[in-house]
Amino acid sequence: MKLKTKIHLFSTLLTLIIMGLMNIGVYFLFEEMAFDTEYNQLNSDVDELIGALSKMQKEDDPATILRTYIPPSGGIRVLDSQGELQLVVQTMEEMTSYQPHFEVGEPYSVGTLEGTPVLTISKPVIWPNGEVVKVQTMKQLLDVGNNLDFLRLILVGVTIIGMLLMTASSITLGKIITKPINKLIHTMSHSRISGKYEKIAVRPNRKDEMAQMGIAFNEMMEQLEQNYKKQEQFVSNASHELKTPLTVIESYAKLLSRHGFSDIEIAEESVRAIINETSRMKEMVSQMLFLANSNGKQKHRYELIDVQILIEETLRSMRIAYDRNFLLKGEGPFYVNTDTEQLRQLLFIILDNARKYSEKEIKTTISENEEGTTISIMDYGNGISKKDLDRIFDRFYRVDEARNRKTGGTGLGMAIAKDIADRLSAKISIESTVGFGTTIHIFLPSNQILTDF
């Protein structure tokens, strides 16, 4: 069943139930009020009748007195203590067969005679012979019956008109609600067929849920398009990057096949080149696998550590590995909740980059404020231009192609560093001046939320 049909049926049925209950309540309330009003009027007449009967003498004719107080379209009966009929006066012959039924505690009885309500009041009175008898005064409520019939017609008419209006409004409401949904379905189907990331038009001044759904859909499609373009660019770049070392390996392999067995120098050069390109390609594949795996959920072991101790250990390893001067400035301790191994890897990547592109010492500074701890790594290399800074975290992007080839860079280091920083809730910012050097700041917030990614 379509959503539009469900909305139509549900709203119509709910309206029918609500209007039905309201109309029933109105009808019974009006009926009760009408009977109470008639009872008050008739009760006043009955009290006068009881007063007249109490003053009656033995020689008086009771029937004459009863006829004086008989209501129009009604009658009066006198019953003895055994319930036997002693006297009756009435204006309608049909009243003879009518027998009222009294509920316990009710001041009056309402029955029907030929479809018309009849109001009956029964009160005791002392008869002239000293016997206590009951006087039943009956009145046929013709006006009340007509009013109730008319009220039923009005309520039925109101219900029919209300249901017709509700049906029309529910159909309109269903169209209003399902129109953006149908548009969304059409756009999604068209996008699937065409292979394009199409969006739906959303008026900017709308704030309802349908508009929010359209905005969320457009944002999702935009994100999918960006991810697809990034993936396409990544595959293209990866293919290009892997093509170069494979071409070099193939060329040296052919050279080795032609002359390597007779010329030791050519053989050694070819083997060295093949080993170097294979190592570079292996590193590149390893980094690409890391970036691919980082998109999934990974468990992190957060703990409170002294960042200064971690940096000292990292710099000690770098000094031993590369025989370079790595300086540290900052008086700790500097305590941070973080993943030790992930932060260590982030430091290695940035320090290794600084080592590759600078011949002088590498300076690391630690500072702290109320918001968190900042690690600044500064080199005295050639620096990076402003146009390159905007793309420094893009995968496979190289500031200087020739320089990266010389240092063995793959263009993935800073992308991996940015990915690790995001997972650690850290922020990386870069300051660089061409000809003077580059400083990379790693900010670790003190109130970061410790969750698993």
Protein backbone atom coordinates (compact mmCIF):
# COMPACT_ATOMS: atom_id res chain seq x y z
CA MET A 1 0.00 0.00 0.00
CA LYS A 2 1.37 3.41 -0.96
CA LEU A 3 2.17 5.99 1.69
CA LYS A 4 -0.37 8.39 0.19
CA THR A 5 -3.12 5.77 0.54
CA LYS A 6 -2.09 5.01 4.12
CA ILE A 7 -2.24 8.71 5.02
CA HIS A 8 -5.66 9.01 3.37
CA LEU A 9 -7.15 5.95 5.10
CA PHE A 10 -5.63 6.67 8.50
CA SER A 11 -6.63 10.34 8.62
CA THR A 12 -10.15 9.59 7.33
CA LEU A 13 -10.72 6.75 9.81
CA LEU A 14 -9.31 8.79 12.70
CA THR A 15 -11.52 11.75 11.81
CA LEU A 16 -14.57 9.48 11.59
CA ILE A 17 -13.88 8.07 15.06
CA ILE A 18 -13.28 11.51 16.59
CA MET A 19 -16.35 13.10 14.99
CA GLY A 20 -18.47 10.07 15.86
CA LEU A 21 -17.50 10.21 19.53
CA MET A 22 -18.01 13.97 19.65
CA ASN A 23 -21.44 13.78 18.00
CA ILE A 24 -22.56 10.96 20.30
CA GLY A 25 -21.45 13.01 23.28
CA VAL A 26 -23.26 16.11 22.01
CA TYR A 27 -26.44 14.11 21.37
CA PHE A 28 -26.61 12.48 24.79
CA LEU A 29 -25.70 15.74 26.55
CA PHE A 30 -28.49 17.59 24.74
CA GLU A 31 -30.92 14.76 25.48
CA GLU A 32 -30.02 14.80 29.17
CA MET A 33 -30.41 18.57 29.38
CA ALA A 34 -33.76 18.45 27.56
CA PHE A 35 -35.13 15.76 29.90
CA ASP A 36 -33.91 17.67 32.98
CA THR A 37 -35.63 20.84 31.76
CA GLU A 38 -38.92 19.00 31.13
CA TYR A 39 -38.62 17.27 34.51
CA ASN A 40 -38.22 20.57 36.36
CA GLN A 41 -41.30 22.01 34.68
CA LEU A 42 -43.44 18.90 35.21
CA ASN A 43 -42.19 18.44 38.79
CA SER A 44 -43.47 21.92 39.66
CA ASP A 45 -46.93 21.01 38.33
CA VAL A 46 -46.87 17.67 40.20
CA ASP A 47 -46.07 19.45 43.47
CA GLU A 48 -49.13 21.68 42.96
CA LEU A 49 -51.20 18.56 42.23
CA ILE A 50 -49.96 16.85 45.42
CA GLY A 51 -50.86 19.96 47.39
CA ALA A 52 -54.37 20.00 45.94
CA LEU A 53 -54.91 16.28 46.62
CA SER A 54 -53.74 16.64 50.23
CA LYS A 55 -56.52 19.20 50.80
CA MET A 56 -59.19 17.07 49.11
CA GLN A 57 -62.26 16.13 51.19
CA LYS A 58 -64.17 12.84 51.01
CA GLU A 59 -67.01 14.43 49.12
CA ASP A 60 -64.62 15.91 46.46
CA ASP A 61 -64.26 14.15 43.11
CA PRO A 62 -60.56 13.13 42.64
CA ALA A 63 -60.93 12.80 38.88
CA THR A 64 -61.94 16.46 38.61
CA ILE A 65 -58.84 17.57 40.49
CA LEU A 66 -56.61 15.27 38.36
CA ARG A 67 -58.09 16.66 35.14
CA THR A 68 -57.22 20.17 36.33
CA TYR A 69 -53.49 19.28 36.47
CA ILE A 70 -53.26 16.79 33.63
CA PRO A 71 -50.37 17.73 31.27
CA PRO A 72 -51.04 18.07 27.54
CA SER A 73 -50.40 14.82 25.64
CA GLY A 74 -50.18 12.97 28.93
CA GLY A 75 -52.03 11.38 31.79
CA ILE A 76 -52.23 10.83 35.56
CA ARG A 77 -52.61 7.51 37.35
CA VAL A 78 -53.35 6.71 41.00
CA LEU A 79 -51.98 3.39 42.30
CA ASP A 80 -52.69 1.85 45.72
CA SER A 81 -50.08 0.37 48.02
CA GLN A 82 -50.34 -2.96 46.15
CA GLY A 83 -49.70 -1.27 42.80
CA GLU A 84 -53.30 -1.72 41.63
CA LEU A 85 -54.73 1.02 39.40
CA GLN A 86 -57.34 3.07 41.32
CA LEU A 87 -57.91 6.01 39.01
CA VAL A 88 -56.65 7.24 35.67
CA VAL A 89 -57.18 10.35 33.58
CA GLN A 90 -55.44 10.85 30.24
CA THR A 91 -55.62 12.87 27.06
CA MET A 92 -54.49 10.02 24.79
CA GLU A 93 -55.90 6.50 24.60
CA GLU A 94 -52.42 5.18 23.78
CA MET A 95 -51.33 6.02 27.33
CA THR A 96 -53.39 3.10 28.65
CA SER A 97 -50.86 0.49 27.50
CA TYR A 98 -47.76 2.43 28.60
CA GLN A 99 -45.96 1.18 31.70
CA PRO A 100 -43.07 3.30 33.01
CA HIS A 101 -39.93 1.71 34.44
CA PHE A 102 -38.17 3.47 37.32
CA GLU A 103 -34.46 3.01 38.09
CA VAL A 104 -33.40 2.98 41.73
CA GLY A 105 -32.42 6.46 42.86
CA GLU A 106 -33.69 8.22 39.70
CA PRO A 107 -36.21 11.04 40.25
CA TYR A 108 -38.03 10.36 36.99
CA SER A 109 -38.45 7.77 34.26
CA VAL A 110 -38.13 8.24 30.51
CA GLY A 111 -39.58 5.70 28.12
CA THR A 112 -40.92 5.71 24.58
CA LEU A 113 -44.42 5.47 23.23
CA GLU A 114 -44.72 5.07 19.47
CA GLY A 115 -41.19 6.47 19.09
CA THR A 116 -41.84 9.53 21.25
CA PRO A 117 -40.21 9.93 24.69
CA VAL A 118 -42.53 9.90 27.69
CA LEU A 119 -41.53 11.52 30.99
CA THR A 120 -43.07 10.01 34.17
CA ILE A 121 -42.89 11.31 37.75
CA SER A 122 -44.19 9.18 40.65
CA LYS A 123 -44.84 10.69 44.10
CA PRO A 124 -46.72 9.43 47.21
CA VAL A 125 -49.83 11.21 48.59
CA ILE A 126 -52.33 10.52 51.43
CA TRP A 127 -55.73 9.68 49.95
CA PRO A 128 -58.93 10.89 51.70
CA ASN A 129 -59.47 7.39 53.17
CA GLY A 130 -56.06 7.63 54.87
CA GLU A 131 -54.31 5.24 52.51
CA VAL A 132 -50.92 6.20 51.03
CA VAL A 133 -51.10 5.98 47.25
CA LYS A 134 -48.76 6.81 44.35
CA VAL A 135 -49.59 9.45 41.81
CA GLN A 136 -47.84 8.89 38.44
CA THR A 137 -47.84 11.89 36.15
CA MET A 138 -46.92 11.15 32.52
CA LYS A 139 -46.14 13.59 29.75
CA GLN A 140 -45.36 12.76 26.14
CA LEU A 141 -42.41 14.97 25.06
CA LEU A 142 -43.39 15.68 21.45
CA ASP A 143 -41.20 18.79 21.09
CA VAL A 144 -38.21 17.09 22.67
CA GLY A 145 -38.63 14.08 20.39
CA ASN A 146 -38.83 16.33 17.32
CA ASN A 147 -35.77 18.27 18.48
CA LEU A 148 -33.80 15.06 19.03
CA ASP A 149 -34.75 13.78 15.59
CA PHE A 150 -33.66 17.07 14.06
CA LEU A 151 -30.44 17.02 16.06
CA ARG A 152 -29.66 13.52 14.79
CA LEU A 153 -30.13 14.69 11.22
CA ILE A 154 -27.85 17.70 11.84
CA LEU A 155 -25.12 15.56 13.43
CA VAL A 156 -25.29 12.99 10.63
CA GLY A 157 -25.11 15.79 8.06
CA VAL A 158 -22.19 17.42 9.86
CA THR A 159 -20.40 14.06 9.98
CA ILE A 160 -20.93 13.45 6.25
CA ILE A 161 -19.80 16.97 5.32
CA GLY A 162 -16.84 16.71 7.70
CA MET A 163 -15.82 13.35 6.22
CA LEU A 164 -16.02 14.76 2.70
CA LEU A 165 -13.87 17.74 3.68
CA MET A 166 -11.47 15.47 5.56
CA THR A 167 -11.22 13.14 2.57
CA ALA A 168 -10.36 16.05 0.31
CA SER A 169 -7.84 17.47 2.80
CA SER A 170 -6.22 14.06 3.39
CA ILE A 171 -5.80 13.58 -0.36
CA THR A 172 -4.21 17.03 -0.60
CA LEU A 173 -2.05 16.35 2.45
CA GLY A 174 -0.93 13.02 1.00
CA LYS A 175 0.11 14.74 -2.22
CA ILE A 176 1.99 17.46 -0.31
CA ILE A 177 3.86 14.91 1.82
CA THR A 178 4.62 12.40 -0.93
CA LYS A 179 5.58 14.97 -3.58
CA PRO A 180 9.15 15.51 -2.26
CA ILE A 181 9.44 11.77 -1.57
CA ASN A 182 8.44 10.96 -5.17
CA LYS A 183 10.87 13.60 -6.36
CA LEU A 184 13.57 12.00 -4.24
CA ILE A 185 12.77 8.53 -5.59
CA HIS A 186 12.82 9.84 -9.17
CA THR A 187 16.15 11.58 -8.62
CA MET A 188 17.69 8.48 -7.06
CA SER A 189 16.43 6.26 -9.89
CA HIS A 190 17.70 8.69 -12.51
CA SER A 191 21.06 8.92 -10.74
CA ARG A 192 21.33 5.13 -10.69
CA ILE A 193 20.59 4.91 -14.40
CA SER A 194 22.71 7.86 -15.52
CA GLY A 195 25.56 7.25 -13.07
CA LYS A 196 25.54 10.93 -12.08
CA TYR A 197 25.18 12.39 -8.59
CA GLU A 198 22.05 14.47 -9.12
CA LYS A 199 20.48 16.67 -6.47
CA ILE A 200 16.94 17.86 -5.85
CA ALA A 201 15.83 21.47 -5.70
CA VAL A 202 15.04 22.68 -2.17
CA ARG A 203 13.67 26.13 -1.42
CA PRO A 204 15.99 27.86 1.06
CA ASN A 205 13.14 29.39 3.11
CA ARG A 206 11.59 26.03 3.99
CA LYS A 207 12.34 24.65 7.46
CA ASP A 208 10.10 21.55 7.64
CA GLU A 209 11.17 17.91 7.77
CA MET A 210 10.69 17.41 4.03
CA ALA A 211 13.07 20.27 3.31
CA GLN A 212 15.57 18.87 5.81
CA MET A 213 15.32 15.49 4.11
CA GLY A 214 16.07 17.11 0.75
CA ILE A 215 19.02 19.03 2.20
CA ALA A 216 20.38 15.86 3.83
CA PHE A 217 20.00 14.00 0.52
CA ASN A 218 21.83 16.72 -1.39
CA GLU A 219 24.62 16.74 1.18
CA MET A 220 24.88 12.95 0.96
CA MET A 221 25.04 13.06 -2.84
CA GLU A 222 27.66 15.79 -2.71
CA GLN A 223 29.71 13.74 -0.24
CA LEU A 224 29.38 10.63 -2.43
CA GLU A 225 30.46 12.62 -5.46
CA GLN A 226 33.47 14.01 -3.63
CA ASN A 227 34.42 10.56 -2.34
CA TYR A 228 34.07 9.11 -5.82
CA LYS A 229 36.25 11.84 -7.30
CA LYS A 230 38.82 11.33 -4.56
CA GLN A 231 38.77 7.60 -5.16
CA GLU A 232 39.07 8.12 -8.90
CA GLN A 233 41.92 10.55 -8.37
CA PHE A 234 43.57 8.16 -5.91
CA VAL A 235 43.41 5.26 -8.37
CA SER A 236 44.71 7.47 -11.15
CA ASN A 237 47.57 8.78 -9.00
CA ALA A 238 48.38 5.32 -7.68
CA SER A 239 48.50 3.95 -11.22
CA HIS A 240 50.73 6.79 -12.31
CA GLU A 241 53.04 6.45 -9.31
CA LEU A 242 53.36 2.68 -9.67
CA LYS A 243 53.87 2.94 -13.40
CA THR A 244 57.12 4.89 -13.02
CA PRO A 245 59.03 2.39 -10.81
CA LEU A 246 57.68 -0.51 -12.86
CA THR A 247 58.96 1.19 -16.02
CA VAL A 248 62.35 1.75 -14.39
CA ILE A 249 62.50 -1.87 -13.22
CA GLU A 250 61.52 -3.10 -16.69
CA SER A 251 64.13 -0.90 -18.38
CA TYR A 252 66.95 -2.03 -16.09
CA ALA A 253 65.82 -5.65 -16.37
CA LYS A 254 66.06 -5.42 -20.16
CA LEU A 255 69.42 -3.68 -19.87
CA LEU A 256 70.59 -6.42 -17.52
CA SER A 257 69.32 -9.05 -19.94
CA ARG A 258 71.20 -7.51 -22.88
CA HIS A 259 74.52 -6.50 -21.31
CA GLY A 260 74.53 -7.43 -17.63
CA PHE A 261 76.14 -10.85 -17.96
CA SER A 262 79.15 -9.45 -19.81
CA ASP A 263 79.47 -6.05 -18.05
CA ILE A 264 79.72 -6.20 -14.24
CA GLU A 265 79.32 -2.43 -13.86
CA ILE A 266 76.01 -2.40 -15.78
CA ALA A 267 74.85 -5.44 -13.81
CA GLU A 268 75.55 -3.77 -10.46
CA GLU A 269 73.90 -0.53 -11.53
CA SER A 270 70.80 -2.39 -12.75
CA VAL A 271 70.50 -4.43 -9.57
CA ARG A 272 70.86 -1.33 -7.38
CA ALA A 273 68.23 0.52 -9.39
CA ILE A 274 65.83 -2.41 -9.28
CA ILE A 275 66.31 -2.77 -5.51
CA ASN A 276 65.75 0.97 -4.95
CA GLU A 277 62.63 1.14 -7.09
CA THR A 278 61.28 -2.05 -5.53
CA SER A 279 61.79 -0.63 -2.03
CA ARG A 280 60.10 2.63 -3.00
CA MET A 281 57.19 0.76 -4.55
CA LYS A 282 56.90 -1.45 -1.46
CA GLU A 283 56.79 1.62 0.77
CA MET A 284 54.17 3.22 -1.43
CA VAL A 285 51.96 0.12 -1.39
CA SER A 286 52.31 -0.12 2.39
CA GLN A 287 51.26 3.50 2.80
CA MET A 288 48.30 3.07 0.46
CA LEU A 289 47.17 0.03 2.46
CA PHE A 290 47.42 2.08 5.65
CA LEU A 291 45.23 4.82 4.19
CA ALA A 292 42.71 2.25 2.95
CA ASN A 293 42.54 0.51 6.33
CA SER A 294 42.22 3.79 8.21
CA ASN A 295 38.71 4.24 6.80
CA GLY A 296 37.47 1.34 8.92
CA LYS A 297 36.94 1.23 12.66
CA GLN A 298 40.10 0.80 14.69
CA LYS A 299 40.56 0.25 18.38
CA HIS A 300 42.65 2.85 20.19
CA ARG A 301 44.33 2.50 23.53
CA TYR A 302 44.06 5.88 25.19
CA GLU A 303 46.17 6.54 28.24
CA LEU A 304 47.53 9.49 30.17
CA ILE A 305 51.14 10.02 29.08
CA ASP A 306 53.88 12.61 29.39
CA VAL A 307 54.30 13.88 25.83
CA GLN A 308 57.83 15.13 26.58
CA ILE A 309 59.06 11.60 27.38
CA LEU A 310 57.50 10.24 24.19
CA ILE A 311 59.14 12.98 22.07
CA GLU A 312 62.52 12.43 23.74
CA GLU A 313 62.36 8.72 22.89
CA THR A 314 61.33 9.49 19.31
CA LEU A 315 64.11 12.05 18.81
CA ARG A 316 66.67 9.64 20.27
CA SER A 317 65.65 7.03 17.67
CA MET A 318 65.88 9.61 14.88
CA ARG A 319 69.37 10.72 15.97
CA ILE A 320 70.64 7.15 15.97
CA ALA A 321 69.01 6.23 12.66
CA TYR A 322 70.07 9.29 10.63
CA ASP A 323 72.98 10.79 12.58
CA ARG A 324 71.26 14.19 12.57
CA ASN A 325 70.87 16.91 15.16
CA PHE A 326 67.29 16.83 16.58
CA LEU A 327 66.76 19.46 19.29
CA LEU A 328 64.02 19.60 21.96
CA LYS A 329 62.84 22.67 23.82
CA GLY A 330 60.26 22.58 26.62
CA GLU A 331 60.15 21.85 30.32
CA GLY A 332 57.56 19.23 31.22
CA PRO A 333 55.83 17.24 32.23
CA PHE A 334 53.04 17.70 29.63
CA TYR A 335 50.24 15.20 30.30
CA VAL A 336 47.80 14.29 27.53
CA ASN A 337 45.21 11.53 27.04
CA THR A 338 46.10 9.93 23.71
CA ASP A 339 47.12 6.76 21.89
CA THR A 340 50.88 6.46 22.40
CA GLU A 341 51.72 4.41 19.31
CA GLN A 342 49.57 6.48 16.96
CA LEU A 343 51.12 9.72 18.24
CA ARG A 344 54.60 8.20 17.93
CA GLN A 345 53.89 7.30 14.28
CA LEU A 346 52.61 10.83 13.62
CA LEU A 347 55.81 12.30 15.06
CA PHE A 348 58.01 9.94 13.00
CA ILE A 349 56.26 10.97 9.76
CA ILE A 350 56.66 14.73 10.38
CA LEU A 351 60.21 14.44 11.69
CA ASP A 352 61.19 12.26 8.73
CA ASN A 353 59.74 14.85 6.34
CA ALA A 354 61.70 17.59 8.08
CA ARG A 355 64.89 15.49 7.85
CA LYS A 356 64.43 14.84 4.13
CA TYR A 357 63.97 18.46 3.13
CA SER A 358 66.42 20.17 5.48
CA GLU A 359 70.18 19.80 5.88
CA LYS A 360 70.34 21.67 9.18
CA GLU A 361 69.14 20.75 12.66
CA ILE A 362 65.47 19.97 13.40
CA LYS A 363 63.97 21.84 16.35
CA THR A 364 60.99 20.52 18.37
CA THR A 365 59.18 22.75 20.89
CA ILE A 366 56.48 21.79 23.42
CA SER A 367 54.11 24.36 24.90
CA GLU A 368 50.94 24.13 26.96
CA ASN A 369 47.91 26.29 27.80
CA GLU A 370 44.40 25.80 29.19
CA GLU A 371 43.08 24.40 25.90
CA GLY A 372 45.77 21.78 25.35
CA THR A 373 49.34 20.95 24.37
CA THR A 374 51.08 22.07 21.17
CA ILE A 375 54.05 20.26 19.59
CA SER A 376 55.92 22.40 17.03
CA ILE A 377 58.48 20.81 14.67
CA MET A 378 60.60 23.33 12.77
CA ASP A 379 63.10 22.75 9.98
CA TYR A 380 65.35 25.21 8.11
CA GLY A 381 64.75 23.90 4.60
CA ASN A 382 63.56 25.62 1.44
CA GLY A 383 60.03 26.21 2.74
CA ILE A 384 56.70 25.74 1.00
CA SER A 385 54.83 28.31 -1.10
CA LYS A 386 51.30 29.35 -0.15
CA LYS A 387 49.71 27.67 -3.16
CA ASP A 388 51.31 24.37 -2.17
CA LEU A 389 50.27 24.69 1.48
CA ASP A 390 46.61 24.42 0.49
CA ARG A 391 47.23 20.96 -1.00
CA ILE A 392 49.93 19.66 1.30
CA PHE A 393 47.60 17.01 2.80
CA ASP A 394 46.32 15.72 -0.57
CA ARG A 395 47.36 12.19 -1.44
CA PHE A 396 50.24 11.91 -3.93
CA TYR A 397 50.71 15.67 -3.99
CA ARG A 398 54.35 16.75 -4.18
CA VAL A 399 55.65 20.24 -3.63
CA ASP A 400 58.70 19.57 -5.78
CA GLU A 401 58.55 16.51 -8.05
CA ALA A 402 62.28 16.38 -8.65
CA ARG A 403 63.15 16.83 -4.98
CA ASN A 404 60.69 14.13 -3.92
CA ARG A 405 62.13 11.71 -6.44
CA LYS A 406 65.54 12.41 -5.03
CA THR A 407 64.47 11.86 -1.43
CA GLY A 408 62.28 8.87 -2.24
CA GLY A 409 59.00 10.51 -1.26
CA THR A 410 55.68 9.03 -2.31
CA GLY A 411 53.39 11.99 -1.66
CA LEU A 412 51.44 10.03 0.96
CA GLY A 413 53.25 10.96 4.18
CA MET A 414 51.33 14.12 5.05
CA ALA A 415 48.02 12.51 4.04
CA ILE A 416 48.73 9.71 6.52
CA ALA A 417 49.75 12.26 9.16
CA LYS A 418 46.47 14.16 8.68
CA ASP A 419 44.50 10.92 8.95
CA ILE A 420 46.25 9.91 12.19
CA ALA A 421 45.72 13.41 13.64
CA ASP A 422 42.01 13.27 12.87
CA ARG A 423 41.67 9.93 14.63
CA LEU A 424 43.49 11.32 17.66
CA SER A 425 41.26 14.44 17.71
CA ALA A 426 44.40 16.47 17.10
CA LYS A 427 44.84 19.41 14.75
CA ILE A 428 47.73 19.99 12.34
CA SER A 429 48.63 23.45 11.06
CA ILE A 430 51.60 24.53 8.93
CA GLU A 431 53.54 27.77 8.80
CA SER A 432 56.16 28.11 6.08
CA THR A 433 58.26 30.80 4.46
CA VAL A 434 60.05 30.11 1.21
CA GLY A 435 63.80 30.18 1.80
CA PHE A 436 63.57 30.15 5.62
CA GLY A 437 61.91 26.86 6.55
CA THR A 438 58.71 25.22 7.73
CA THR A 439 57.04 24.74 11.11
CA ILE A 440 54.35 22.11 11.66
CA HIS A 441 52.17 22.46 14.79
CA ILE A 442 50.39 19.46 16.33
CA PHE A 443 47.70 20.58 18.80
CA LEU A 444 46.42 17.97 21.29
CA PRO A 445 43.28 19.27 23.09
CA SER A 446 43.11 18.66 26.83
CA ASN A 447 39.37 17.87 26.76
CA GLN A 448 39.29 15.51 23.78
CA ILE A 449 36.64 12.78 23.87
CA LEU A 450 38.21 9.35 24.20
CA THR A 451 36.35 7.08 21.81
CA ASP A 452 37.15 4.25 19.46
CA PHE A 453 37.10 5.03 15.76
